[in-house]
């Protein structure tokens, strides 16, 4: 099984439940963060934002270095 990279740096042995979509390291529940990406369909000027966004998992480091305001 894959282990959580951040836990291993802290000296813990925790199973990973997700993988960061940016850097690819394994993450446990405590170290994974969900980023909701909006989905739009169509061509301008007829663009529609769908109600169901796509959840994406990121580590704390990658999330803190991403422009999150653009996804709200």
PDB file of N, CA and C in Angstrom:
ATOM      1  N   UNK A   1       0.832  -1.191   0.000  1.00  0.00           N
ATOM      2  CA  UNK A   1       0.000   0.000   0.000  1.00  0.00           C
ATOM      3  C   UNK A   1       0.873   1.249   0.000  1.00  0.00           C
ATOM      4  N   UNK A   2       0.329   2.302  -0.603  1.00  0.00           N
ATOM      5  CA  UNK A   2       1.029   3.579  -0.617  1.00  0.00           C
ATOM      6  C   UNK A   2       0.868   4.253   0.741  1.00  0.00           C
ATOM      7  N   UNK A   3       1.911   4.919   1.181  1.00  0.00           N
ATOM      8  CA  UNK A   3       1.917   5.637   2.449  1.00  0.00           C
ATOM      9  C   UNK A   3       1.804   7.135   2.201  1.00  0.00           C
ATOM     10  N   UNK A   4       1.299   7.851   3.193  1.00  0.00           N
ATOM     11  CA  UNK A   4       1.186   9.307   3.105  1.00  0.00           C
ATOM     12  C   UNK A   4       2.580   9.918   3.191  1.00  0.00           C
ATOM     13  N   UNK A   5       2.931  10.698   2.193  1.00  0.00           N
ATOM     14  CA  UNK A   5       4.246  11.321   2.124  1.00  0.00           C
ATOM     15  C   UNK A   5       4.458  12.307   3.273  1.00  0.00           C
ATOM     16  N   UNK A   6       3.453  13.127   3.550  1.00  0.00           N
ATOM     17  CA  UNK A   6       3.581  14.128   4.611  1.00  0.00           C
ATOM     18  C   UNK A   6       3.699  13.466   5.983  1.00  0.00           C
ATOM     19  N   UNK A   7       2.973  12.374   6.215  1.00  0.00           N
ATOM     20  CA  UNK A   7       3.088  11.651   7.484  1.00  0.00           C
ATOM     21  C   UNK A   7       4.482  11.047   7.639  1.00  0.00           C
ATOM     22  N   UNK A   8       5.018  10.511   6.554  1.00  0.00           N
ATOM     23  CA  UNK A   8       6.350   9.920   6.628  1.00  0.00           C
ATOM     24  C   UNK A   8       7.386  10.973   7.001  1.00  0.00           C
ATOM     25  N   UNK A   9       7.229  12.215   6.519  1.00  0.00           N
ATOM     26  CA  UNK A   9       8.137  13.291   6.903  1.00  0.00           C
ATOM     27  C   UNK A   9       8.015  13.621   8.389  1.00  0.00           C
ATOM     28  N   UNK A  10       6.849  13.351   8.983  1.00  0.00           N
ATOM     29  CA  UNK A  10       6.620  13.587  10.409  1.00  0.00           C
ATOM     30  C   UNK A  10       6.971  12.362  11.249  1.00  0.00           C
ATOM     31  N   UNK A  11       7.423  11.290  10.614  1.00  0.00           N
ATOM     32  CA  UNK A  11       7.782  10.071  11.337  1.00  0.00           C
ATOM     33  C   UNK A  11       6.612   9.148  11.616  1.00  0.00           C
ATOM     34  N   UNK A  12       5.488   9.343  10.942  1.00  0.00           N
ATOM     35  CA  UNK A  12       4.302   8.498  11.115  1.00  0.00           C
ATOM     36  C   UNK A  12       4.191   7.509   9.965  1.00  0.00           C
ATOM     37  N   UNK A  13       3.447   6.446  10.180  1.00  0.00           N
ATOM     38  CA  UNK A  13       3.221   5.428   9.154  1.00  0.00           C
ATOM     39  C   UNK A  13       1.720   5.337   8.896  1.00  0.00           C
ATOM     40  N   UNK A  14       1.230   6.112   7.917  1.00  0.00           N
ATOM     41  CA  UNK A  14      -0.201   6.199   7.630  1.00  0.00           C
ATOM     42  C   UNK A  14      -0.457   5.821   6.175  1.00  0.00           C
ATOM     43  N   UNK A  15      -1.523   5.066   5.947  1.00  0.00           N
ATOM     44  CA  UNK A  15      -1.902   4.687   4.589  1.00  0.00           C
ATOM     45  C   UNK A  15      -2.423   5.900   3.819  1.00  0.00           C
ATOM     46  N   UNK A  16      -2.061   5.987   2.562  1.00  0.00           N
ATOM     47  CA  UNK A  16      -2.575   7.052   1.695  1.00  0.00           C
ATOM     48  C   UNK A  16      -3.958   6.671   1.189  1.00  0.00           C
ATOM     49  N   UNK A  17      -4.824   7.667   1.077  1.00  0.00           N
ATOM     50  CA  UNK A  17      -6.177   7.446   0.551  1.00  0.00           C
ATOM     51  C   UNK A  17      -6.407   8.231  -0.729  1.00  0.00           C
ATOM     52  N   UNK A  18      -5.446   9.098  -1.082  1.00  0.00           N
ATOM     53  CA  UNK A  18      -5.582   9.936  -2.268  1.00  0.00           C
ATOM     54  C   UNK A  18      -4.200  10.292  -2.790  1.00  0.00           C
ATOM     55  N   UNK A  19      -4.181  10.857  -4.003  1.00  0.00           N
ATOM     56  CA  UNK A  19      -2.940  11.309  -4.630  1.00  0.00           C
ATOM     57  C   UNK A  19      -3.147  12.753  -5.057  1.00  0.00           C
ATOM     58  N   UNK A  20      -2.177  13.611  -4.767  1.00  0.00           N
ATOM     59  CA  UNK A  20      -2.254  15.010  -5.173  1.00  0.00           C
ATOM     60  C   UNK A  20      -2.221  15.088  -6.699  1.00  0.00           C
ATOM     61  N   UNK A  21      -3.159  15.839  -7.291  1.00  0.00           N
ATOM     62  CA  UNK A  21      -3.223  15.930  -8.751  1.00  0.00           C
ATOM     63  C   UNK A  21      -2.100  16.774  -9.326  1.00  0.00           C
ATOM     64  N   UNK A  22      -1.394  17.547  -8.487  1.00  0.00           N
ATOM     65  CA  UNK A  22      -0.323  18.411  -8.978  1.00  0.00           C
ATOM     66  C   UNK A  22       1.027  17.721  -8.866  1.00  0.00           C
ATOM     67  N   UNK A  23       1.413  17.308  -7.656  1.00  0.00           N
ATOM     68  CA  UNK A  23       2.753  16.745  -7.443  1.00  0.00           C
ATOM     69  C   UNK A  23       2.779  15.221  -7.417  1.00  0.00           C
ATOM     70  N   UNK A  24       1.630  14.577  -7.212  1.00  0.00           N
ATOM     71  CA  UNK A  24       1.545  13.123  -7.280  1.00  0.00           C
ATOM     72  C   UNK A  24       1.890  12.379  -6.006  1.00  0.00           C
ATOM     73  N   UNK A  25       2.104  13.085  -4.889  1.00  0.00           N
ATOM     74  CA  UNK A  25       2.439  12.349  -3.668  1.00  0.00           C
ATOM     75  C   UNK A  25       1.182  11.781  -3.021  1.00  0.00           C
ATOM     76  N   UNK A  26       1.346  10.633  -2.341  1.00  0.00           N
ATOM     77  CA  UNK A  26       0.254   9.991  -1.639  1.00  0.00           C
ATOM     78  C   UNK A  26      -0.120  10.787  -0.402  1.00  0.00           C
ATOM     79  N   UNK A  27      -1.417  10.829  -0.087  1.00  0.00           N
ATOM     80  CA  UNK A  27      -1.915  11.630   1.027  1.00  0.00           C
ATOM     81  C   UNK A  27      -2.929  10.853   1.857  1.00  0.00           C
ATOM     82  N   UNK A  28      -2.883  11.061   3.181  1.00  0.00           N
ATOM     83  CA  UNK A  28      -3.905  10.503   4.063  1.00  0.00           C
ATOM     84  C   UNK A  28      -5.067  11.490   4.145  1.00  0.00           C
ATOM     85  N   UNK A  29      -6.097  11.159   4.901  1.00  0.00           N
ATOM     86  CA  UNK A  29      -7.259  12.043   5.037  1.00  0.00           C
ATOM     87  C   UNK A  29      -6.886  13.374   5.688  1.00  0.00           C
ATOM     88  N   UNK A  30      -5.946  13.367   6.629  1.00  0.00           N
ATOM     89  CA  UNK A  30      -5.572  14.590   7.328  1.00  0.00           C
ATOM     90  C   UNK A  30      -4.767  15.544   6.449  1.00  0.00           C
ATOM     91  N   UNK A  31      -4.029  15.021   5.496  1.00  0.00           N
ATOM     92  CA  UNK A  31      -3.161  15.865   4.670  1.00  0.00           C
ATOM     93  C   UNK A  31      -3.725  16.151   3.279  1.00  0.00           C
ATOM     94  N   UNK A  32      -4.888  15.636   2.952  1.00  0.00           N
ATOM     95  CA  UNK A  32      -5.484  15.899   1.641  1.00  0.00           C
ATOM     96  C   UNK A  32      -6.535  16.998   1.754  1.00  0.00           C
ATOM     97  N   UNK A  33      -6.591  17.829   0.739  1.00  0.00           N
ATOM     98  CA  UNK A  33      -7.571  18.917   0.673  1.00  0.00           C
ATOM     99  C   UNK A  33      -8.334  18.800  -0.636  1.00  0.00           C
ATOM    100  N   UNK A  34      -9.640  19.026  -0.571  1.00  0.00           N
ATOM    101  CA  UNK A  34     -10.483  18.936  -1.757  1.00  0.00           C
ATOM    102  C   UNK A  34     -10.663  20.320  -2.362  1.00  0.00           C
ATOM    103  N   UNK A  35     -10.388  20.418  -3.637  1.00  0.00           N
ATOM    104  CA  UNK A  35     -10.585  21.656  -4.386  1.00  0.00           C
ATOM    105  C   UNK A  35     -11.677  21.381  -5.416  1.00  0.00           C
ATOM    106  N   UNK A  36     -12.725  22.176  -5.392  1.00  0.00           N
ATOM    107  CA  UNK A  36     -13.833  21.996  -6.325  1.00  0.00           C
ATOM    108  C   UNK A  36     -13.587  22.858  -7.556  1.00  0.00           C
ATOM    109  N   UNK A  37     -13.468  22.219  -8.710  1.00  0.00           N
ATOM    110  CA  UNK A  37     -13.253  22.937  -9.958  1.00  0.00           C
ATOM    111  C   UNK A  37     -14.577  23.088 -10.695  1.00  0.00           C
ATOM    112  N   UNK A  38     -14.967  24.315 -11.019  1.00  0.00           N
ATOM    113  CA  UNK A  38     -16.202  24.515 -11.768  1.00  0.00           C
ATOM    114  C   UNK A  38     -16.058  23.986 -13.200  1.00  0.00           C
ATOM    115  N   UNK A  39     -17.158  23.519 -13.744  1.00  0.00           N
ATOM    116  CA  UNK A  39     -17.159  22.992 -15.105  1.00  0.00           C
ATOM    117  C   UNK A  39     -18.117  23.817 -15.951  1.00  0.00           C
ATOM    118  N   UNK A  40     -17.620  24.300 -17.083  1.00  0.00           N
ATOM    119  CA  UNK A  40     -18.453  25.055 -18.017  1.00  0.00           C
ATOM    120  C   UNK A  40     -18.510  24.328 -19.346  1.00  0.00           C
ATOM    121  N   UNK A  41     -19.641  24.435 -20.021  1.00  0.00           N
ATOM    122  CA  UNK A  41     -19.811  23.815 -21.329  1.00  0.00           C
ATOM    123  C   UNK A  41     -20.312  24.858 -22.316  1.00  0.00           C
ATOM    124  N   UNK A  42     -20.023  24.634 -23.571  1.00  0.00           N
ATOM    125  CA  UNK A  42     -20.479  25.542 -24.611  1.00  0.00           C
ATOM    126  C   UNK A  42     -19.362  26.428 -25.121  1.00  0.00           C
ATOM    127  N   UNK A  43     -19.696  27.225 -26.124  1.00  0.00           N
ATOM    128  CA  UNK A  43     -18.749  28.165 -26.718  1.00  0.00           C
ATOM    129  C   UNK A  43     -19.251  29.581 -26.481  1.00  0.00           C
ATOM    130  N   UNK A  44     -18.336  30.528 -26.228  1.00  0.00           N
ATOM    131  CA  UNK A  44     -18.764  31.912 -26.015  1.00  0.00           C
ATOM    132  C   UNK A  44     -19.574  32.410 -27.203  1.00  0.00           C
ATOM    133  N   UNK A  45     -20.607  33.128 -26.988  1.00  0.00           N
ATOM    134  CA  UNK A  45     -21.096  33.675 -25.728  1.00  0.00           C
ATOM    135  C   UNK A  45     -22.090  32.759 -25.017  1.00  0.00           C
ATOM    136  N   UNK A  46     -22.300  31.568 -25.518  1.00  0.00           N
ATOM    137  CA  UNK A  46     -23.271  30.621 -24.949  1.00  0.00           C
ATOM    138  C   UNK A  46     -22.587  29.630 -24.013  1.00  0.00           C
ATOM    139  N   UNK A  47     -21.980  30.098 -22.935  1.00  0.00           N
ATOM    140  CA  UNK A  47     -21.292  29.242 -21.974  1.00  0.00           C
ATOM    141  C   UNK A  47     -22.175  29.061 -20.750  1.00  0.00           C
ATOM    142  N   UNK A  48     -22.320  27.821 -20.325  1.00  0.00           N
ATOM    143  CA  UNK A  48     -23.135  27.501 -19.156  1.00  0.00           C
ATOM    144  C   UNK A  48     -22.270  26.790 -18.123  1.00  0.00           C
ATOM    145  N   UNK A  49     -22.355  27.234 -16.886  1.00  0.00           N
ATOM    146  CA  UNK A  49     -21.642  26.559 -15.798  1.00  0.00           C
ATOM    147  C   UNK A  49     -22.539  25.454 -15.255  1.00  0.00           C
ATOM    148  N   UNK A  50     -22.016  24.238 -15.187  1.00  0.00           N
ATOM    149  CA  UNK A  50     -22.781  23.111 -14.672  1.00  0.00           C
ATOM    150  C   UNK A  50     -22.920  23.199 -13.158  1.00  0.00           C
ATOM    151  N   UNK A  51     -24.003  22.622 -12.629  1.00  0.00           N
ATOM    152  CA  UNK A  51     -24.249  22.647 -11.185  1.00  0.00           C
ATOM    153  C   UNK A  51     -23.270  21.749 -10.441  1.00  0.00           C
ATOM    154  N   UNK A  52     -22.908  20.626 -11.051  1.00  0.00           N
ATOM    155  CA  UNK A  52     -21.990  19.687 -10.395  1.00  0.00           C
ATOM    156  C   UNK A  52     -20.563  19.986 -10.821  1.00  0.00           C
ATOM    157  N   UNK A  53     -19.751  20.407  -9.865  1.00  0.00           N
ATOM    158  CA  UNK A  53     -18.349  20.684 -10.148  1.00  0.00           C
ATOM    159  C   UNK A  53     -17.539  19.400  -9.992  1.00  0.00           C
ATOM    160  N   UNK A  54     -16.274  19.453 -10.383  1.00  0.00           N
ATOM    161  CA  UNK A  54     -15.392  18.294 -10.273  1.00  0.00           C
ATOM    162  C   UNK A  54     -14.520  18.417  -9.029  1.00  0.00           C
ATOM    163  N   UNK A  55     -14.610  17.457  -8.109  1.00  0.00           N
ATOM    164  CA  UNK A  55     -13.724  17.506  -6.943  1.00  0.00           C
ATOM    165  C   UNK A  55     -12.325  17.038  -7.328  1.00  0.00           C
ATOM    166  N   UNK A  56     -11.312  17.729  -6.851  1.00  0.00           N
ATOM    167  CA  UNK A  56      -9.919  17.372  -7.090  1.00  0.00           C
ATOM    168  C   UNK A  56      -9.195  17.392  -5.763  1.00  0.00           C
ATOM    169  N   UNK A  57      -8.280  16.464  -5.564  1.00  0.00           N
ATOM    170  CA  UNK A  57      -7.541  16.353  -4.311  1.00  0.00           C
ATOM    171  C   UNK A  57      -6.137  16.923  -4.488  1.00  0.00           C
ATOM    172  N   UNK A  58      -5.737  17.768  -3.525  1.00  0.00           N
ATOM    173  CA  UNK A  58      -4.411  18.376  -3.558  1.00  0.00           C
ATOM    174  C   UNK A  58      -3.792  18.307  -2.169  1.00  0.00           C
ATOM    175  N   UNK A  59      -2.461  18.352  -2.123  1.00  0.00           N
ATOM    176  CA  UNK A  59      -1.763  18.432  -0.845  1.00  0.00           C
ATOM    177  C   UNK A  59      -1.767  19.888  -0.372  1.00  0.00           C
ATOM    178  N   UNK A  60      -1.460  20.088   0.894  1.00  0.00           N
ATOM    179  CA  UNK A  60      -1.460  21.441   1.464  1.00  0.00           C
ATOM    180  C   UNK A  60      -0.488  22.352   0.734  1.00  0.00           C
ATOM    181  N   UNK A  61       0.694  21.842   0.387  1.00  0.00           N
ATOM    182  CA  UNK A  61       1.702  22.663  -0.280  1.00  0.00           C
ATOM    183  C   UNK A  61       1.200  23.141  -1.651  1.00  0.00           C
ATOM    184  N   UNK A  62       0.714  22.229  -2.463  1.00  0.00           N
ATOM    185  CA  UNK A  62       0.249  22.597  -3.802  1.00  0.00           C
ATOM    186  C   UNK A  62      -0.976  23.502  -3.737  1.00  0.00           C
ATOM    187  N   UNK A  63      -1.878  23.235  -2.794  1.00  0.00           N
ATOM    188  CA  UNK A  63      -3.066  24.076  -2.660  1.00  0.00           C
ATOM    189  C   UNK A  63      -2.691  25.492  -2.245  1.00  0.00           C
ATOM    190  N   UNK A  64      -1.721  25.630  -1.343  1.00  0.00           N
ATOM    191  CA  UNK A  64      -1.327  26.964  -0.895  1.00  0.00           C
ATOM    192  C   UNK A  64      -0.588  27.729  -1.990  1.00  0.00           C
ATOM    193  N   UNK A  65      -0.105  27.026  -3.015  1.00  0.00           N
ATOM    194  CA  UNK A  65       0.591  27.683  -4.117  1.00  0.00           C
ATOM    195  C   UNK A  65      -0.270  27.744  -5.376  1.00  0.00           C
ATOM    196  N   UNK A  66      -1.574  27.579  -5.228  1.00  0.00           N
ATOM    197  CA  UNK A  66      -2.522  27.639  -6.329  1.00  0.00           C
ATOM    198  C   UNK A  66      -3.450  28.830  -6.105  1.00  0.00           C
ATOM    199  N   UNK A  67      -3.856  29.466  -7.162  1.00  0.00           N
ATOM    200  CA  UNK A  67      -4.779  30.594  -7.043  1.00  0.00           C
ATOM    201  C   UNK A  67      -6.175  30.023  -6.817  1.00  0.00           C
ATOM    202  N   UNK A  68      -6.572  29.890  -5.555  1.00  0.00           N
ATOM    203  CA  UNK A  68      -7.835  29.286  -5.194  1.00  0.00           C
ATOM    204  C   UNK A  68      -9.002  30.228  -5.464  1.00  0.00           C
ATOM    205  N   UNK A  69      -8.777  31.517  -5.391  1.00  0.00           N
ATOM    206  CA  UNK A  69      -9.858  32.484  -5.590  1.00  0.00           C
ATOM    207  C   UNK A  69     -10.530  32.332  -6.951  1.00  0.00           C
ATOM    208  N   UNK A  70      -9.815  31.855  -7.942  1.00  0.00           N
ATOM    209  CA  UNK A  70     -10.371  31.701  -9.278  1.00  0.00           C
ATOM    210  C   UNK A  70     -11.411  30.608  -9.347  1.00  0.00           C
ATOM    211  N   UNK A  71     -11.457  29.717  -8.347  1.00  0.00           N
ATOM    212  CA  UNK A  71     -12.362  28.579  -8.396  1.00  0.00           C
ATOM    213  C   UNK A  71     -13.591  28.762  -7.514  1.00  0.00           C
ATOM    214  N   UNK A  72     -13.762  29.891  -6.885  1.00  0.00           N
ATOM    215  CA  UNK A  72     -14.918  30.108  -6.010  1.00  0.00           C
ATOM    216  C   UNK A  72     -16.100  30.651  -6.760  1.00  0.00           C
TER     217      UNK A  72
END
